[in-house]
Amino acid sequence: MKIIIHHNGKKYNFKFGYEAMIFDCAISNEFDTRYGEHTIKNFVNFVSACYLKAPHDISLGDLADFIVLRWEELKELSYYETLAKFYDKTAQ
């Protein structure tokens, strides 16, 4: 499967549906406006890796929203540190 999204005159290719969902979350939260379109692919890759490495079932939408709203804080952390913060926040 190949998913192609056209956004603002650019073409984005994804192999998996969850990547397209993460991309949609980024656009819905105006990530491209705040951080530039060049950063979206990094965001999609980071959220994807966190999602795939999560030891428990988690909501992809909740995880993507959590990360998009805290991108500056989380982008330099490891996947496991990010997941720990996500679990701490959702347990409250």
PDB file of N, CA and C in Angstrom:
ATOM      1  N   MET A   1       0.841  -1.160   0.000  1.00  0.00           N
ATOM      2  CA  MET A   1       0.000   0.000   0.000  1.00  0.00           C
ATOM      3  C   MET A   1       0.895   1.235   0.000  1.00  0.00           C
ATOM      4  N   LYS A   2       0.443   2.266  -0.644  1.00  0.00           N
ATOM      5  CA  LYS A   2       1.136   3.552  -0.667  1.00  0.00           C
ATOM      6  C   LYS A   2       0.075   4.632  -0.515  1.00  0.00           C
ATOM      7  N   ILE A   3       0.310   5.515   0.445  1.00  0.00           N
ATOM      8  CA  ILE A   3      -0.623   6.601   0.691  1.00  0.00           C
ATOM      9  C   ILE A   3       0.057   7.904   0.272  1.00  0.00           C
ATOM     10  N   ILE A   4      -0.609   8.665  -0.567  1.00  0.00           N
ATOM     11  CA  ILE A   4      -0.065   9.931  -1.042  1.00  0.00           C
ATOM     12  C   ILE A   4      -1.011  11.040  -0.586  1.00  0.00           C
ATOM     13  N   ILE A   5      -0.433  12.026   0.084  1.00  0.00           N
ATOM     14  CA  ILE A   5      -1.205  13.178   0.541  1.00  0.00           C
ATOM     15  C   ILE A   5      -0.618  14.423  -0.109  1.00  0.00           C
ATOM     16  N   HIS A   6      -1.473  15.221  -0.698  1.00  0.00           N
ATOM     17  CA  HIS A   6      -1.077  16.508  -1.258  1.00  0.00           C
ATOM     18  C   HIS A   6      -1.529  17.580  -0.276  1.00  0.00           C
ATOM     19  N   HIS A   7      -0.576  18.387   0.169  1.00  0.00           N
ATOM     20  CA  HIS A   7      -0.888  19.447   1.132  1.00  0.00           C
ATOM     21  C   HIS A   7      -0.042  20.668   0.821  1.00  0.00           C
ATOM     22  N   ASN A   8      -0.692  21.789   0.641  1.00  0.00           N
ATOM     23  CA  ASN A   8      -0.004  23.055   0.349  1.00  0.00           C
ATOM     24  C   ASN A   8       0.986  22.940  -0.812  1.00  0.00           C
ATOM     25  N   GLY A   9       0.583  22.234  -1.851  1.00  0.00           N
ATOM     26  CA  GLY A   9       1.417  22.110  -3.039  1.00  0.00           C
ATOM     27  C   GLY A   9       2.559  21.119  -2.925  1.00  0.00           C
ATOM     28  N   LYS A  10       2.650  20.411  -1.812  1.00  0.00           N
ATOM     29  CA  LYS A  10       3.694  19.399  -1.637  1.00  0.00           C
ATOM     30  C   LYS A  10       3.053  18.022  -1.579  1.00  0.00           C
ATOM     31  N   LYS A  11       3.827  17.026  -1.947  1.00  0.00           N
ATOM     32  CA  LYS A  11       3.354  15.649  -1.940  1.00  0.00           C
ATOM     33  C   LYS A  11       4.082  14.879  -0.839  1.00  0.00           C
ATOM     34  N   TYR A  12       3.327  14.197  -0.007  1.00  0.00           N
ATOM     35  CA  TYR A  12       3.873  13.391   1.077  1.00  0.00           C
ATOM     36  C   TYR A  12       3.478  11.938   0.827  1.00  0.00           C
ATOM     37  N   ASN A  13       4.462  11.042   0.906  1.00  0.00           N
ATOM     38  CA  ASN A  13       4.231   9.613   0.683  1.00  0.00           C
ATOM     39  C   ASN A  13       4.370   8.861   1.997  1.00  0.00           C
ATOM     40  N   PHE A  14       3.442   7.972   2.248  1.00  0.00           N
ATOM     41  CA  PHE A  14       3.481   7.143   3.446  1.00  0.00           C
ATOM     42  C   PHE A  14       3.220   5.690   3.066  1.00  0.00           C
ATOM     43  N   LYS A  15       3.853   4.792   3.787  1.00  0.00           N
ATOM     44  CA  LYS A  15       3.671   3.358   3.548  1.00  0.00           C
ATOM     45  C   LYS A  15       2.539   2.777   4.397  1.00  0.00           C
ATOM     46  N   PHE A  16       2.250   3.436   5.523  1.00  0.00           N
ATOM     47  CA  PHE A  16       1.291   2.885   6.476  1.00  0.00           C
ATOM     48  C   PHE A  16       0.211   3.907   6.825  1.00  0.00           C
ATOM     49  N   GLY A  17      -0.978   3.412   7.076  1.00  0.00           N
ATOM     50  CA  GLY A  17      -2.092   4.278   7.422  1.00  0.00           C
ATOM     51  C   GLY A  17      -1.861   5.070   8.693  1.00  0.00           C
ATOM     52  N   TYR A  18      -1.177   4.469   9.667  1.00  0.00           N
ATOM     53  CA  TYR A  18      -0.935   5.195  10.918  1.00  0.00           C
ATOM     54  C   TYR A  18      -0.055   6.417  10.680  1.00  0.00           C
ATOM     55  N   GLU A  19       0.836   6.379   9.683  1.00  0.00           N
ATOM     56  CA  GLU A  19       1.656   7.554   9.370  1.00  0.00           C
ATOM     57  C   GLU A  19       0.783   8.683   8.828  1.00  0.00           C
ATOM     58  N   ALA A  20      -0.181   8.330   7.989  1.00  0.00           N
ATOM     59  CA  ALA A  20      -1.096   9.336   7.446  1.00  0.00           C
ATOM     60  C   ALA A  20      -1.952   9.929   8.558  1.00  0.00           C
ATOM     61  N   MET A  21      -2.341   9.106   9.517  1.00  0.00           N
ATOM     62  CA  MET A  21      -3.123   9.598  10.651  1.00  0.00           C
ATOM     63  C   MET A  21      -2.305  10.576  11.500  1.00  0.00           C
ATOM     64  N   ILE A  22      -1.049  10.274  11.716  1.00  0.00           N
ATOM     65  CA  ILE A  22      -0.163  11.169  12.474  1.00  0.00           C
ATOM     66  C   ILE A  22       0.020  12.477  11.710  1.00  0.00           C
ATOM     67  N   PHE A  23       0.211  12.382  10.412  1.00  0.00           N
ATOM     68  CA  PHE A  23       0.333  13.573   9.573  1.00  0.00           C
ATOM     69  C   PHE A  23      -0.924  14.435   9.705  1.00  0.00           C
ATOM     70  N   ASP A  24      -2.084  13.820   9.646  1.00  0.00           N
ATOM     71  CA  ASP A  24      -3.343  14.540   9.774  1.00  0.00           C
ATOM     72  C   ASP A  24      -3.417  15.243  11.126  1.00  0.00           C
ATOM     73  N   CYS A  25      -2.968  14.589  12.184  1.00  0.00           N
ATOM     74  CA  CYS A  25      -2.949  15.202  13.511  1.00  0.00           C
ATOM     75  C   CYS A  25      -2.056  16.441  13.507  1.00  0.00           C
ATOM     76  N   ALA A  26      -0.905  16.331  12.882  1.00  0.00           N
ATOM     77  CA  ALA A  26       0.018  17.467  12.814  1.00  0.00           C
ATOM     78  C   ALA A  26      -0.623  18.648  12.090  1.00  0.00           C
ATOM     79  N   ILE A  27      -1.245  18.384  10.965  1.00  0.00           N
ATOM     80  CA  ILE A  27      -1.887  19.452  10.189  1.00  0.00           C
ATOM     81  C   ILE A  27      -3.067  20.040  10.964  1.00  0.00           C
ATOM     82  N   SER A  28      -3.855  19.182  11.597  1.00  0.00           N
ATOM     83  CA  SER A  28      -5.008  19.657  12.376  1.00  0.00           C
ATOM     84  C   SER A  28      -4.587  20.550  13.533  1.00  0.00           C
ATOM     85  N   ASN A  29      -3.404  20.304  14.083  1.00  0.00           N
ATOM     86  CA  ASN A  29      -2.880  21.104  15.185  1.00  0.00           C
ATOM     87  C   ASN A  29      -1.947  22.219  14.713  1.00  0.00           C
ATOM     88  N   GLU A  30      -1.967  22.494  13.415  1.00  0.00           N
ATOM     89  CA  GLU A  30      -1.177  23.564  12.793  1.00  0.00           C
ATOM     90  C   GLU A  30       0.330  23.428  13.056  1.00  0.00           C
ATOM     91  N   PHE A  31       0.787  22.202  13.121  1.00  0.00           N
ATOM     92  CA  PHE A  31       2.213  21.933  13.327  1.00  0.00           C
ATOM     93  C   PHE A  31       3.049  22.549  12.213  1.00  0.00           C
ATOM     94  N   ASP A  32       2.553  22.450  10.986  1.00  0.00           N
ATOM     95  CA  ASP A  32       3.297  22.998   9.846  1.00  0.00           C
ATOM     96  C   ASP A  32       3.434  24.509   9.936  1.00  0.00           C
ATOM     97  N   THR A  33       2.424  25.175  10.469  1.00  0.00           N
ATOM     98  CA  THR A  33       2.481  26.624  10.624  1.00  0.00           C
ATOM     99  C   THR A  33       3.484  27.019  11.708  1.00  0.00           C
ATOM    100  N   ARG A  34       3.505  26.280  12.793  1.00  0.00           N
ATOM    101  CA  ARG A  34       4.382  26.609  13.916  1.00  0.00           C
ATOM    102  C   ARG A  34       5.835  26.206  13.700  1.00  0.00           C
ATOM    103  N   TYR A  35       6.063  25.060  13.070  1.00  0.00           N
ATOM    104  CA  TYR A  35       7.424  24.526  12.969  1.00  0.00           C
ATOM    105  C   TYR A  35       7.941  24.377  11.550  1.00  0.00           C
ATOM    106  N   GLY A  36       7.113  24.650  10.576  1.00  0.00           N
ATOM    107  CA  GLY A  36       7.525  24.528   9.189  1.00  0.00           C
ATOM    108  C   GLY A  36       7.239  23.147   8.632  1.00  0.00           C
ATOM    109  N   GLU A  37       6.971  23.123   7.344  1.00  0.00           N
ATOM    110  CA  GLU A  37       6.639  21.851   6.689  1.00  0.00           C
ATOM    111  C   GLU A  37       7.803  20.877   6.681  1.00  0.00           C
ATOM    112  N   HIS A  38       9.023  21.383   6.733  1.00  0.00           N
ATOM    113  CA  HIS A  38      10.192  20.503   6.715  1.00  0.00           C
ATOM    114  C   HIS A  38      10.297  19.650   7.986  1.00  0.00           C
ATOM    115  N   THR A  39       9.606  20.035   9.048  1.00  0.00           N
ATOM    116  CA  THR A  39       9.687  19.311  10.317  1.00  0.00           C
ATOM    117  C   THR A  39       8.609  18.233  10.444  1.00  0.00           C
ATOM    118  N   ILE A  40       7.607  18.279   9.592  1.00  0.00           N
ATOM    119  CA  ILE A  40       6.497  17.327   9.705  1.00  0.00           C
ATOM    120  C   ILE A  40       6.973  15.885   9.589  1.00  0.00           C
ATOM    121  N   LYS A  41       7.864  15.607   8.661  1.00  0.00           N
ATOM    122  CA  LYS A  41       8.337  14.226   8.480  1.00  0.00           C
ATOM    123  C   LYS A  41       9.046  13.734   9.751  1.00  0.00           C
ATOM    124  N   ASN A  42       9.824  14.615  10.395  1.00  0.00           N
ATOM    125  CA  ASN A  42      10.472  14.244  11.663  1.00  0.00           C
ATOM    126  C   ASN A  42       9.425  13.927  12.725  1.00  0.00           C
ATOM    127  N   PHE A  43       8.386  14.743  12.766  1.00  0.00           N
ATOM    128  CA  PHE A  43       7.306  14.513  13.716  1.00  0.00           C
ATOM    129  C   PHE A  43       6.640  13.161  13.464  1.00  0.00           C
ATOM    130  N   VAL A  44       6.296  12.898  12.215  1.00  0.00           N
ATOM    131  CA  VAL A  44       5.644  11.626  11.864  1.00  0.00           C
ATOM    132  C   VAL A  44       6.541  10.448  12.238  1.00  0.00           C
ATOM    133  N   ASN A  45       7.818  10.538  11.936  1.00  0.00           N
ATOM    134  CA  ASN A  45       8.747   9.450  12.270  1.00  0.00           C
ATOM    135  C   ASN A  45       8.873   9.259  13.780  1.00  0.00           C
ATOM    136  N   PHE A  46       8.941  10.354  14.530  1.00  0.00           N
ATOM    137  CA  PHE A  46       9.092  10.282  15.982  1.00  0.00           C
ATOM    138  C   PHE A  46       7.852   9.661  16.631  1.00  0.00           C
ATOM    139  N   VAL A  47       6.680  10.146  16.265  1.00  0.00           N
ATOM    140  CA  VAL A  47       5.441   9.600  16.831  1.00  0.00           C
ATOM    141  C   VAL A  47       5.281   8.131  16.429  1.00  0.00           C
ATOM    142  N   SER A  48       5.610   7.804  15.194  1.00  0.00           N
ATOM    143  CA  SER A  48       5.525   6.406  14.732  1.00  0.00           C
ATOM    144  C   SER A  48       6.405   5.501  15.579  1.00  0.00           C
ATOM    145  N   ALA A  49       7.639   5.929  15.810  1.00  0.00           N
ATOM    146  CA  ALA A  49       8.566   5.115  16.595  1.00  0.00           C
ATOM    147  C   ALA A  49       8.065   4.952  18.030  1.00  0.00           C
ATOM    148  N   CYS A  50       7.561   6.028  18.620  1.00  0.00           N
ATOM    149  CA  CYS A  50       7.009   5.928  19.981  1.00  0.00           C
ATOM    150  C   CYS A  50       5.848   4.941  20.006  1.00  0.00           C
ATOM    151  N   TYR A  51       4.968   5.052  19.048  1.00  0.00           N
ATOM    152  CA  TYR A  51       3.791   4.189  18.976  1.00  0.00           C
ATOM    153  C   TYR A  51       4.190   2.717  18.827  1.00  0.00           C
ATOM    154  N   LEU A  52       5.143   2.456  17.961  1.00  0.00           N
ATOM    155  CA  LEU A  52       5.556   1.071  17.718  1.00  0.00           C
ATOM    156  C   LEU A  52       6.364   0.494  18.875  1.00  0.00           C
ATOM    157  N   LYS A  53       7.038   1.339  19.656  1.00  0.00           N
ATOM    158  CA  LYS A  53       7.845   0.871  20.778  1.00  0.00           C
ATOM    159  C   LYS A  53       7.062   0.807  22.086  1.00  0.00           C
ATOM    160  N   ALA A  54       5.837   1.311  22.092  1.00  0.00           N
ATOM    161  CA  ALA A  54       5.038   1.334  23.315  1.00  0.00           C
ATOM    162  C   ALA A  54       4.802  -0.095  23.810  1.00  0.00           C
ATOM    163  N   PRO A  55       5.084  -0.345  25.095  1.00  0.00           N
ATOM    164  CA  PRO A  55       4.910  -1.698  25.627  1.00  0.00           C
ATOM    165  C   PRO A  55       3.446  -2.070  25.874  1.00  0.00           C
ATOM    166  N   HIS A  56       2.563  -1.085  25.857  1.00  0.00           N
ATOM    167  CA  HIS A  56       1.137  -1.315  26.085  1.00  0.00           C
ATOM    168  C   HIS A  56       0.349  -0.738  24.923  1.00  0.00           C
ATOM    169  N   ASP A  57      -0.865  -1.232  24.750  1.00  0.00           N
ATOM    170  CA  ASP A  57      -1.741  -0.649  23.741  1.00  0.00           C
ATOM    171  C   ASP A  57      -2.055   0.786  24.133  1.00  0.00           C
ATOM    172  N   ILE A  58      -1.895   1.697  23.196  1.00  0.00           N
ATOM    173  CA  ILE A  58      -2.210   3.094  23.444  1.00  0.00           C
ATOM    174  C   ILE A  58      -2.967   3.649  22.251  1.00  0.00           C
ATOM    175  N   SER A  59      -3.663   4.727  22.495  1.00  0.00           N
ATOM    176  CA  SER A  59      -4.380   5.412  21.425  1.00  0.00           C
ATOM    177  C   SER A  59      -3.380   6.235  20.609  1.00  0.00           C
ATOM    178  N   LEU A  60      -3.303   5.953  19.335  1.00  0.00           N
ATOM    179  CA  LEU A  60      -2.392   6.704  18.467  1.00  0.00           C
ATOM    180  C   LEU A  60      -2.778   8.176  18.432  1.00  0.00           C
ATOM    181  N   GLY A  61      -4.054   8.458  18.381  1.00  0.00           N
ATOM    182  CA  GLY A  61      -4.510   9.841  18.359  1.00  0.00           C
ATOM    183  C   GLY A  61      -4.111  10.594  19.622  1.00  0.00           C
ATOM    184  N   ASP A  62      -4.283   9.957  20.778  1.00  0.00           N
ATOM    185  CA  ASP A  62      -3.902  10.589  22.046  1.00  0.00           C
ATOM    186  C   ASP A  62      -2.400  10.820  22.102  1.00  0.00           C
ATOM    187  N   LEU A  63      -1.625   9.854  21.656  1.00  0.00           N
ATOM    188  CA  LEU A  63      -0.169   9.991  21.657  1.00  0.00           C
ATOM    189  C   LEU A  63       0.272  11.110  20.719  1.00  0.00           C
ATOM    190  N   ALA A  64      -0.273  11.144  19.521  1.00  0.00           N
ATOM    191  CA  ALA A  64       0.099  12.183  18.552  1.00  0.00           C
ATOM    192  C   ALA A  64      -0.276  13.569  19.073  1.00  0.00           C
ATOM    193  N   ASP A  65      -1.481  13.689  19.655  1.00  0.00           N
ATOM    194  CA  ASP A  65      -1.894  14.983  20.228  1.00  0.00           C
ATOM    195  C   ASP A  65      -0.966  15.393  21.363  1.00  0.00           C
ATOM    196  N   PHE A  66      -0.614  14.455  22.215  1.00  0.00           N
ATOM    197  CA  PHE A  66       0.284  14.736  23.341  1.00  0.00           C
ATOM    198  C   PHE A  66       1.626  15.272  22.836  1.00  0.00           C
ATOM    199  N   ILE A  67       2.177  14.613  21.835  1.00  0.00           N
ATOM    200  CA  ILE A  67       3.493  15.007  21.329  1.00  0.00           C
ATOM    201  C   ILE A  67       3.421  16.314  20.547  1.00  0.00           C
ATOM    202  N   VAL A  68       2.389  16.490  19.737  1.00  0.00           N
ATOM    203  CA  VAL A  68       2.308  17.722  18.933  1.00  0.00           C
ATOM    204  C   VAL A  68       2.205  18.955  19.830  1.00  0.00           C
ATOM    205  N   LEU A  69       1.525  18.821  20.954  1.00  0.00           N
ATOM    206  CA  LEU A  69       1.355  19.963  21.859  1.00  0.00           C
ATOM    207  C   LEU A  69       2.596  20.230  22.709  1.00  0.00           C
ATOM    208  N   ARG A  70       3.534  19.272  22.759  1.00  0.00           N
ATOM    209  CA  ARG A  70       4.740  19.400  23.581  1.00  0.00           C
ATOM    210  C   ARG A  70       6.013  19.178  22.759  1.00  0.00           C
ATOM    211  N   TRP A  71       5.939  19.435  21.470  1.00  0.00           N
ATOM    212  CA  TRP A  71       7.028  19.115  20.556  1.00  0.00           C
ATOM    213  C   TRP A  71       8.364  19.685  21.014  1.00  0.00           C
ATOM    214  N   GLU A  72       8.407  20.929  21.402  1.00  0.00           N
ATOM    215  CA  GLU A  72       9.673  21.556  21.810  1.00  0.00           C
ATOM    216  C   GLU A  72      10.297  20.819  22.995  1.00  0.00           C
ATOM    217  N   GLU A  73       9.479  20.387  23.912  1.00  0.00           N
ATOM    218  CA  GLU A  73       9.960  19.673  25.105  1.00  0.00           C
ATOM    219  C   GLU A  73      10.399  18.246  24.785  1.00  0.00           C
ATOM    220  N   LEU A  74       9.711  17.591  23.874  1.00  0.00           N
ATOM    221  CA  LEU A  74       9.902  16.160  23.663  1.00  0.00           C
ATOM    222  C   LEU A  74      10.829  15.787  22.508  1.00  0.00           C
ATOM    223  N   LYS A  75      11.033  16.665  21.565  1.00  0.00           N
ATOM    224  CA  LYS A  75      11.723  16.286  20.326  1.00  0.00           C
ATOM    225  C   LYS A  75      13.147  15.794  20.535  1.00  0.00           C
ATOM    226  N   GLU A  76      13.791  16.175  21.630  1.00  0.00           N
ATOM    227  CA  GLU A  76      15.164  15.739  21.899  1.00  0.00           C
ATOM    228  C   GLU A  76      15.231  14.534  22.837  1.00  0.00           C
ATOM    229  N   LEU A  77      14.084  14.117  23.362  1.00  0.00           N
ATOM    230  CA  LEU A  77      14.064  12.978  24.282  1.00  0.00           C
ATOM    231  C   LEU A  77      14.066  11.662  23.509  1.00  0.00           C
ATOM    232  N   SER A  78      14.387  10.611  24.206  1.00  0.00           N
ATOM    233  CA  SER A  78      14.302   9.278  23.594  1.00  0.00           C
ATOM    234  C   SER A  78      12.831   8.880  23.499  1.00  0.00           C
ATOM    235  N   TYR A  79      12.576   7.848  22.732  1.00  0.00           N
ATOM    236  CA  TYR A  79      11.214   7.343  22.594  1.00  0.00           C
ATOM    237  C   TYR A  79      10.683   6.895  23.955  1.00  0.00           C
ATOM    238  N   TYR A  80      11.531   6.231  24.722  1.00  0.00           N
ATOM    239  CA  TYR A  80      11.108   5.689  26.009  1.00  0.00           C
ATOM    240  C   TYR A  80      10.850   6.798  27.031  1.00  0.00           C
ATOM    241  N   GLU A  81      11.644   7.860  27.003  1.00  0.00           N
ATOM    242  CA  GLU A  81      11.401   9.007  27.885  1.00  0.00           C
ATOM    243  C   GLU A  81      10.086   9.691  27.516  1.00  0.00           C
ATOM    244  N   THR A  82       9.833   9.800  26.243  1.00  0.00           N
ATOM    245  CA  THR A  82       8.588  10.406  25.777  1.00  0.00           C
ATOM    246  C   THR A  82       7.392   9.566  26.200  1.00  0.00           C
ATOM    247  N   LEU A  83       7.494   8.265  26.028  1.00  0.00           N
ATOM    248  CA  LEU A  83       6.403   7.383  26.444  1.00  0.00           C
ATOM    249  C   LEU A  83       6.175   7.455  27.947  1.00  0.00           C
ATOM    250  N   ALA A  84       7.236   7.554  28.739  1.00  0.00           N
ATOM    251  CA  ALA A  84       7.098   7.677  30.191  1.00  0.00           C
ATOM    252  C   ALA A  84       6.316   8.941  30.539  1.00  0.00           C
ATOM    253  N   LYS A  85       6.628  10.047  29.874  1.00  0.00           N
ATOM    254  CA  LYS A  85       5.894  11.304  30.107  1.00  0.00           C
ATOM    255  C   LYS A  85       4.430  11.159  29.684  1.00  0.00           C
ATOM    256  N   PHE A  86       4.203  10.467  28.572  1.00  0.00           N
ATOM    257  CA  PHE A  86       2.836  10.237  28.100  1.00  0.00           C
ATOM    258  C   PHE A  86       2.055   9.418  29.114  1.00  0.00           C
ATOM    259  N   TYR A  87       2.639   8.338  29.615  1.00  0.00           N
ATOM    260  CA  TYR A  87       1.956   7.494  30.589  1.00  0.00           C
ATOM    261  C   TYR A  87       1.700   8.260  31.882  1.00  0.00           C
ATOM    262  N   ASP A  88       2.654   9.069  32.322  1.00  0.00           N
ATOM    263  CA  ASP A  88       2.478   9.873  33.540  1.00  0.00           C
ATOM    264  C   ASP A  88       1.319  10.847  33.369  1.00  0.00           C
ATOM    265  N   LYS A  89       1.259  11.493  32.228  1.00  0.00           N
ATOM    266  CA  LYS A  89       0.219  12.493  31.965  1.00  0.00           C
ATOM    267  C   LYS A  89      -1.158  11.834  31.866  1.00  0.00           C
ATOM    268  N   THR A  90      -1.237  10.683  31.217  1.00  0.00           N
ATOM    269  CA  THR A  90      -2.535  10.042  31.030  1.00  0.00           C
ATOM    270  C   THR A  90      -3.018   9.320  32.299  1.00  0.00           C
ATOM    271  N   ALA A  91      -2.102   9.046  33.224  1.00  0.00           N
ATOM    272  CA  ALA A  91      -2.484   8.390  34.470  1.00  0.00           C
ATOM    273  C   ALA A  91      -3.099   9.384  35.460  1.00  0.00           C
ATOM    274  N   GLN A  92      -2.915  10.664  35.213  1.00  0.00           N
ATOM    275  CA  GLN A  92      -3.423  11.686  36.146  1.00  0.00           C
ATOM    276  C   GLN A  92      -4.914  11.866  36.002  1.00  0.00           C
TER     277      GLN A  92
END
